[in-house]
Amino acid sequence: NKTGIGQWGNLLGDDFLRIHRSYLVNTSLATLSSQESVSVGPARVQLPISRKYKEYVKNALSATEGM
């Protein structure tokens, strides 16, 4: 697949959030675990948040958890 992760983010829309150069997560399945990681799915898989996306992820997931 030659589609870059940035293009996937655009195709998938606002329901998906980039947390790292290697990870997009579905915001309805993701919760902020700590300042450095996100839990995803029923198995609560831990994925790292890169420094570049930390503030953005924190704001985005805090907004969805408040709903």
PDB file of N, CA and C in Angstrom:
ATOM      1  N   ASN A   1       0.838  -1.170   0.000  1.00  0.00           N
ATOM      2  CA  ASN A   1       0.000   0.000   0.000  1.00  0.00           C
ATOM      3  C   ASN A   1       0.885   1.237   0.000  1.00  0.00           C
ATOM      4  N   LYS A   2       0.677   2.088  -0.934  1.00  0.00           N
ATOM      5  CA  LYS A   2       1.512   3.287  -1.054  1.00  0.00           C
ATOM      6  C   LYS A   2       0.838   4.533  -0.489  1.00  0.00           C
ATOM      7  N   THR A   3      -0.299   4.358   0.159  1.00  0.00           N
ATOM      8  CA  THR A   3      -1.005   5.478   0.769  1.00  0.00           C
ATOM      9  C   THR A   3      -0.329   5.837   2.083  1.00  0.00           C
ATOM     10  N   GLY A   4       0.067   7.082   2.233  1.00  0.00           N
ATOM     11  CA  GLY A   4       0.734   7.524   3.458  1.00  0.00           C
ATOM     12  C   GLY A   4      -0.263   7.688   4.604  1.00  0.00           C
ATOM     13  N   ILE A   5       0.254   7.702   5.812  1.00  0.00           N
ATOM     14  CA  ILE A   5      -0.615   7.809   6.991  1.00  0.00           C
ATOM     15  C   ILE A   5      -1.360   9.142   7.023  1.00  0.00           C
ATOM     16  N   GLY A   6      -0.761  10.197   6.512  1.00  0.00           N
ATOM     17  CA  GLY A   6      -1.441  11.490   6.430  1.00  0.00           C
ATOM     18  C   GLY A   6      -2.640  11.424   5.501  1.00  0.00           C
ATOM     19  N   GLN A   7      -2.480  10.721   4.381  1.00  0.00           N
ATOM     20  CA  GLN A   7      -3.587  10.546   3.450  1.00  0.00           C
ATOM     21  C   GLN A   7      -4.693   9.700   4.072  1.00  0.00           C
ATOM     22  N   TRP A   8      -4.319   8.667   4.823  1.00  0.00           N
ATOM     23  CA  TRP A   8      -5.329   7.845   5.510  1.00  0.00           C
ATOM     24  C   TRP A   8      -6.099   8.692   6.504  1.00  0.00           C
ATOM     25  N   GLY A   9      -5.406   9.549   7.207  1.00  0.00           N
ATOM     26  CA  GLY A   9      -6.077  10.437   8.152  1.00  0.00           C
ATOM     27  C   GLY A   9      -7.105  11.315   7.473  1.00  0.00           C
ATOM     28  N   ASN A  10      -6.766  11.839   6.300  1.00  0.00           N
ATOM     29  CA  ASN A  10      -7.706  12.658   5.539  1.00  0.00           C
ATOM     30  C   ASN A  10      -8.885  11.834   5.029  1.00  0.00           C
ATOM     31  N   LEU A  11      -8.611  10.624   4.548  1.00  0.00           N
ATOM     32  CA  LEU A  11      -9.670   9.757   4.031  1.00  0.00           C
ATOM     33  C   LEU A  11     -10.632   9.298   5.121  1.00  0.00           C
ATOM     34  N   LEU A  12     -10.097   8.992   6.295  1.00  0.00           N
ATOM     35  CA  LEU A  12     -10.919   8.465   7.383  1.00  0.00           C
ATOM     36  C   LEU A  12     -11.716   9.548   8.097  1.00  0.00           C
ATOM     37  N   GLY A  13     -11.254  10.765   8.056  1.00  0.00           N
ATOM     38  CA  GLY A  13     -12.007  11.878   8.611  1.00  0.00           C
ATOM     39  C   GLY A  13     -11.746  12.157  10.078  1.00  0.00           C
ATOM     40  N   ASP A  14     -12.677  12.906  10.674  1.00  0.00           N
ATOM     41  CA  ASP A  14     -12.512  13.414  12.039  1.00  0.00           C
ATOM     42  C   ASP A  14     -12.652  12.358  13.126  1.00  0.00           C
ATOM     43  N   ASP A  15     -13.140  11.184  12.788  1.00  0.00           N
ATOM     44  CA  ASP A  15     -13.274  10.133  13.797  1.00  0.00           C
ATOM     45  C   ASP A  15     -11.932   9.494  14.141  1.00  0.00           C
ATOM     46  N   PHE A  16     -10.915   9.801  13.356  1.00  0.00           N
ATOM     47  CA  PHE A  16      -9.587   9.239  13.594  1.00  0.00           C
ATOM     48  C   PHE A  16      -8.610  10.346  13.934  1.00  0.00           C
ATOM     49  N   LEU A  17      -7.694  10.037  14.831  1.00  0.00           N
ATOM     50  CA  LEU A  17      -6.769  11.015  15.389  1.00  0.00           C
ATOM     51  C   LEU A  17      -5.345  10.493  15.255  1.00  0.00           C
ATOM     52  N   ARG A  18      -4.458  11.332  14.779  1.00  0.00           N
ATOM     53  CA  ARG A  18      -3.053  10.942  14.677  1.00  0.00           C
ATOM     54  C   ARG A  18      -2.385  11.206  16.010  1.00  0.00           C
ATOM     55  N   ILE A  19      -1.766  10.177  16.578  1.00  0.00           N
ATOM     56  CA  ILE A  19      -1.112  10.308  17.878  1.00  0.00           C
ATOM     57  C   ILE A  19       0.406  10.157  17.789  1.00  0.00           C
ATOM     58  N   HIS A  20       0.880   9.704  16.636  1.00  0.00           N
ATOM     59  CA  HIS A  20       2.292   9.383  16.460  1.00  0.00           C
ATOM     60  C   HIS A  20       2.535   9.295  14.956  1.00  0.00           C
ATOM     61  N   ARG A  21       3.754   9.355  14.530  1.00  0.00           N
ATOM     62  CA  ARG A  21       4.004   9.251  13.088  1.00  0.00           C
ATOM     63  C   ARG A  21       3.581   7.897  12.530  1.00  0.00           C
ATOM     64  N   SER A  22       3.396   6.905  13.395  1.00  0.00           N
ATOM     65  CA  SER A  22       3.023   5.561  12.956  1.00  0.00           C
ATOM     66  C   SER A  22       1.607   5.149  13.329  1.00  0.00           C
ATOM     67  N   TYR A  23       0.861   5.989  14.058  1.00  0.00           N
ATOM     68  CA  TYR A  23      -0.435   5.556  14.569  1.00  0.00           C
ATOM     69  C   TYR A  23      -1.556   6.558  14.332  1.00  0.00           C
ATOM     70  N   LEU A  24      -2.684   6.033  13.853  1.00  0.00           N
ATOM     71  CA  LEU A  24      -3.965   6.735  13.827  1.00  0.00           C
ATOM     72  C   LEU A  24      -4.880   5.920  14.727  1.00  0.00           C
ATOM     73  N   VAL A  25      -5.691   6.563  15.544  1.00  0.00           N
ATOM     74  CA  VAL A  25      -6.621   5.822  16.406  1.00  0.00           C
ATOM     75  C   VAL A  25      -8.039   6.343  16.216  1.00  0.00           C
ATOM     76  N   ASN A  26      -8.990   5.455  16.387  1.00  0.00           N
ATOM     77  CA  ASN A  26     -10.398   5.808  16.346  1.00  0.00           C
ATOM     78  C   ASN A  26     -10.731   6.485  17.670  1.00  0.00           C
ATOM     79  N   THR A  27     -11.182   7.721  17.631  1.00  0.00           N
ATOM     80  CA  THR A  27     -11.423   8.478  18.866  1.00  0.00           C
ATOM     81  C   THR A  27     -12.527   7.871  19.716  1.00  0.00           C
ATOM     82  N   SER A  28     -13.450   7.126  19.116  1.00  0.00           N
ATOM     83  CA  SER A  28     -14.513   6.513  19.913  1.00  0.00           C
ATOM     84  C   SER A  28     -14.004   5.309  20.706  1.00  0.00           C
ATOM     85  N   LEU A  29     -12.831   4.785  20.359  1.00  0.00           N
ATOM     86  CA  LEU A  29     -12.260   3.627  21.058  1.00  0.00           C
ATOM     87  C   LEU A  29     -11.023   3.977  21.877  1.00  0.00           C
ATOM     88  N   ALA A  30     -10.623   5.243  21.860  1.00  0.00           N
ATOM     89  CA  ALA A  30      -9.374   5.646  22.515  1.00  0.00           C
ATOM     90  C   ALA A  30      -9.639   6.480  23.762  1.00  0.00           C
ATOM     91  N   THR A  31      -8.832   6.237  24.795  1.00  0.00           N
ATOM     92  CA  THR A  31      -8.861   7.066  25.998  1.00  0.00           C
ATOM     93  C   THR A  31      -7.423   7.417  26.375  1.00  0.00           C
ATOM     94  N   LEU A  32      -7.263   8.569  26.952  1.00  0.00           N
ATOM     95  CA  LEU A  32      -5.954   9.027  27.389  1.00  0.00           C
ATOM     96  C   LEU A  32      -5.574   8.268  28.651  1.00  0.00           C
ATOM     97  N   SER A  33      -4.480   7.507  28.598  1.00  0.00           N
ATOM     98  CA  SER A  33      -4.027   6.720  29.749  1.00  0.00           C
ATOM     99  C   SER A  33      -3.103   7.520  30.643  1.00  0.00           C
ATOM    100  N   SER A  34      -2.217   8.254  29.997  1.00  0.00           N
ATOM    101  CA  SER A  34      -1.240   9.079  30.708  1.00  0.00           C
ATOM    102  C   SER A  34      -0.813  10.185  29.752  1.00  0.00           C
ATOM    103  N   GLN A  35       0.155  10.970  30.140  1.00  0.00           N
ATOM    104  CA  GLN A  35       0.672  12.028  29.274  1.00  0.00           C
ATOM    105  C   GLN A  35       1.398  11.456  28.059  1.00  0.00           C
ATOM    106  N   GLU A  36       1.814  10.191  28.153  1.00  0.00           N
ATOM    107  CA  GLU A  36       2.603   9.578  27.089  1.00  0.00           C
ATOM    108  C   GLU A  36       1.918   8.468  26.325  1.00  0.00           C
ATOM    109  N   SER A  37       0.689   8.078  26.723  1.00  0.00           N
ATOM    110  CA  SER A  37       0.068   6.954  26.027  1.00  0.00           C
ATOM    111  C   SER A  37      -1.455   7.039  25.974  1.00  0.00           C
ATOM    112  N   VAL A  38      -1.995   6.278  25.020  1.00  0.00           N
ATOM    113  CA  VAL A  38      -3.424   6.185  24.792  1.00  0.00           C
ATOM    114  C   VAL A  38      -3.801   4.708  24.863  1.00  0.00           C
ATOM    115  N   SER A  39      -4.939   4.391  25.486  1.00  0.00           N
ATOM    116  CA  SER A  39      -5.475   3.028  25.498  1.00  0.00           C
ATOM    117  C   SER A  39      -6.495   2.928  24.380  1.00  0.00           C
ATOM    118  N   VAL A  40      -6.445   1.827  23.633  1.00  0.00           N
ATOM    119  CA  VAL A  40      -7.335   1.674  22.489  1.00  0.00           C
ATOM    120  C   VAL A  40      -8.030   0.314  22.526  1.00  0.00           C
ATOM    121  N   GLY A  41      -9.338   0.337  22.282  1.00  0.00           N
ATOM    122  CA  GLY A  41     -10.115  -0.888  22.129  1.00  0.00           C
ATOM    123  C   GLY A  41     -10.411  -1.604  23.419  1.00  0.00           C
ATOM    124  N   PRO A  42     -11.190  -2.681  23.300  1.00  0.00           N
ATOM    125  CA  PRO A  42     -11.579  -3.448  24.485  1.00  0.00           C
ATOM    126  C   PRO A  42     -10.389  -4.113  25.192  1.00  0.00           C
ATOM    127  N   ALA A  43      -9.330  -4.387  24.452  1.00  0.00           N
ATOM    128  CA  ALA A  43      -8.138  -5.001  25.051  1.00  0.00           C
ATOM    129  C   ALA A  43      -7.265  -3.969  25.751  1.00  0.00           C
ATOM    130  N   ARG A  44      -7.611  -2.672  25.618  1.00  0.00           N
ATOM    131  CA  ARG A  44      -6.876  -1.564  26.234  1.00  0.00           C
ATOM    132  C   ARG A  44      -5.399  -1.568  25.842  1.00  0.00           C
ATOM    133  N   VAL A  45      -5.136  -1.767  24.573  1.00  0.00           N
ATOM    134  CA  VAL A  45      -3.773  -1.747  24.040  1.00  0.00           C
ATOM    135  C   VAL A  45      -3.197  -0.353  24.230  1.00  0.00           C
ATOM    136  N   GLN A  46      -1.990  -0.280  24.753  1.00  0.00           N
ATOM    137  CA  GLN A  46      -1.312   0.994  25.008  1.00  0.00           C
ATOM    138  C   GLN A  46      -0.480   1.391  23.793  1.00  0.00           C
ATOM    139  N   LEU A  47      -0.714   2.612  23.297  1.00  0.00           N
ATOM    140  CA  LEU A  47       0.068   3.145  22.186  1.00  0.00           C
ATOM    141  C   LEU A  47       0.702   4.459  22.621  1.00  0.00           C
ATOM    142  N   PRO A  48       1.934   4.698  22.193  1.00  0.00           N
ATOM    143  CA  PRO A  48       2.621   5.930  22.609  1.00  0.00           C
ATOM    144  C   PRO A  48       2.098   7.163  21.876  1.00  0.00           C
ATOM    145  N   ILE A  49       2.172   8.295  22.558  1.00  0.00           N
ATOM    146  CA  ILE A  49       1.876   9.593  21.954  1.00  0.00           C
ATOM    147  C   ILE A  49       3.220  10.289  21.761  1.00  0.00           C
ATOM    148  N   SER A  50       3.479  10.732  20.547  1.00  0.00           N
ATOM    149  CA  SER A  50       4.745  11.423  20.325  1.00  0.00           C
ATOM    150  C   SER A  50       4.669  12.850  20.865  1.00  0.00           C
ATOM    151  N   ARG A  51       5.820  13.428  21.148  1.00  0.00           N
ATOM    152  CA  ARG A  51       5.868  14.801  21.665  1.00  0.00           C
ATOM    153  C   ARG A  51       5.195  15.776  20.717  1.00  0.00           C
ATOM    154  N   LYS A  52       5.325  15.534  19.432  1.00  0.00           N
ATOM    155  CA  LYS A  52       4.758  16.427  18.418  1.00  0.00           C
ATOM    156  C   LYS A  52       3.234  16.518  18.532  1.00  0.00           C
ATOM    157  N   TYR A  53       2.562  15.421  18.882  1.00  0.00           N
ATOM    158  CA  TYR A  53       1.097  15.376  18.911  1.00  0.00           C
ATOM    159  C   TYR A  53       0.514  15.443  20.324  1.00  0.00           C
ATOM    160  N   LYS A  54       1.351  15.504  21.342  1.00  0.00           N
ATOM    161  CA  LYS A  54       0.903  15.399  22.732  1.00  0.00           C
ATOM    162  C   LYS A  54      -0.201  16.393  23.100  1.00  0.00           C
ATOM    163  N   GLU A  55      -0.005  17.659  22.854  1.00  0.00           N
ATOM    164  CA  GLU A  55      -0.988  18.683  23.236  1.00  0.00           C
ATOM    165  C   GLU A  55      -2.278  18.523  22.430  1.00  0.00           C
ATOM    166  N   TYR A  56      -2.138  18.252  21.145  1.00  0.00           N
ATOM    167  CA  TYR A  56      -3.283  18.049  20.262  1.00  0.00           C
ATOM    168  C   TYR A  56      -4.128  16.850  20.709  1.00  0.00           C
ATOM    169  N   VAL A  57      -3.465  15.731  21.022  1.00  0.00           N
ATOM    170  CA  VAL A  57      -4.158  14.513  21.460  1.00  0.00           C
ATOM    171  C   VAL A  57      -4.851  14.757  22.798  1.00  0.00           C
ATOM    172  N   LYS A  58      -4.159  15.391  23.711  1.00  0.00           N
ATOM    173  CA  LYS A  58      -4.728  15.684  25.024  1.00  0.00           C
ATOM    174  C   LYS A  58      -6.015  16.499  24.891  1.00  0.00           C
ATOM    175  N   ASN A  59      -5.991  17.544  24.086  1.00  0.00           N
ATOM    176  CA  ASN A  59      -7.161  18.385  23.876  1.00  0.00           C
ATOM    177  C   ASN A  59      -8.280  17.632  23.173  1.00  0.00           C
ATOM    178  N   ALA A  60      -7.939  16.881  22.148  1.00  0.00           N
ATOM    179  CA  ALA A  60      -8.955  16.158  21.361  1.00  0.00           C
ATOM    180  C   ALA A  60      -9.635  15.074  22.177  1.00  0.00           C
ATOM    181  N   LEU A  61      -8.865  14.286  22.924  1.00  0.00           N
ATOM    182  CA  LEU A  61      -9.468  13.196  23.704  1.00  0.00           C
ATOM    183  C   LEU A  61     -10.186  13.708  24.941  1.00  0.00           C
ATOM    184  N   SER A  62      -9.730  14.795  25.515  1.00  0.00           N
ATOM    185  CA  SER A  62     -10.438  15.393  26.644  1.00  0.00           C
ATOM    186  C   SER A  62     -11.817  15.884  26.202  1.00  0.00           C
ATOM    187  N   ALA A  63     -11.896  16.431  25.003  1.00  0.00           N
ATOM    188  CA  ALA A  63     -13.162  16.925  24.461  1.00  0.00           C
ATOM    189  C   ALA A  63     -14.132  15.780  24.200  1.00  0.00           C
ATOM    190  N   THR A  64     -13.643  14.636  23.694  1.00  0.00           N
ATOM    191  CA  THR A  64     -14.536  13.515  23.402  1.00  0.00           C
ATOM    192  C   THR A  64     -14.963  12.785  24.662  1.00  0.00           C
ATOM    193  N   GLU A  65     -14.121  12.780  25.699  1.00  0.00           N
ATOM    194  CA  GLU A  65     -14.481  12.110  26.949  1.00  0.00           C
ATOM    195  C   GLU A  65     -15.530  12.899  27.712  1.00  0.00           C
ATOM    196  N   GLY A  66     -15.607  14.191  27.478  1.00  0.00           N
ATOM    197  CA  GLY A  66     -16.585  15.033  28.149  1.00  0.00           C
ATOM    198  C   GLY A  66     -17.977  14.927  27.585  1.00  0.00           C
ATOM    199  N   MET A  67     -18.151  14.248  26.462  1.00  0.00           N
ATOM    200  CA  MET A  67     -19.456  14.134  25.814  1.00  0.00           C
ATOM    201  C   MET A  67     -20.352  13.153  26.510  1.00  0.00           C
TER     202      MET A  67
END
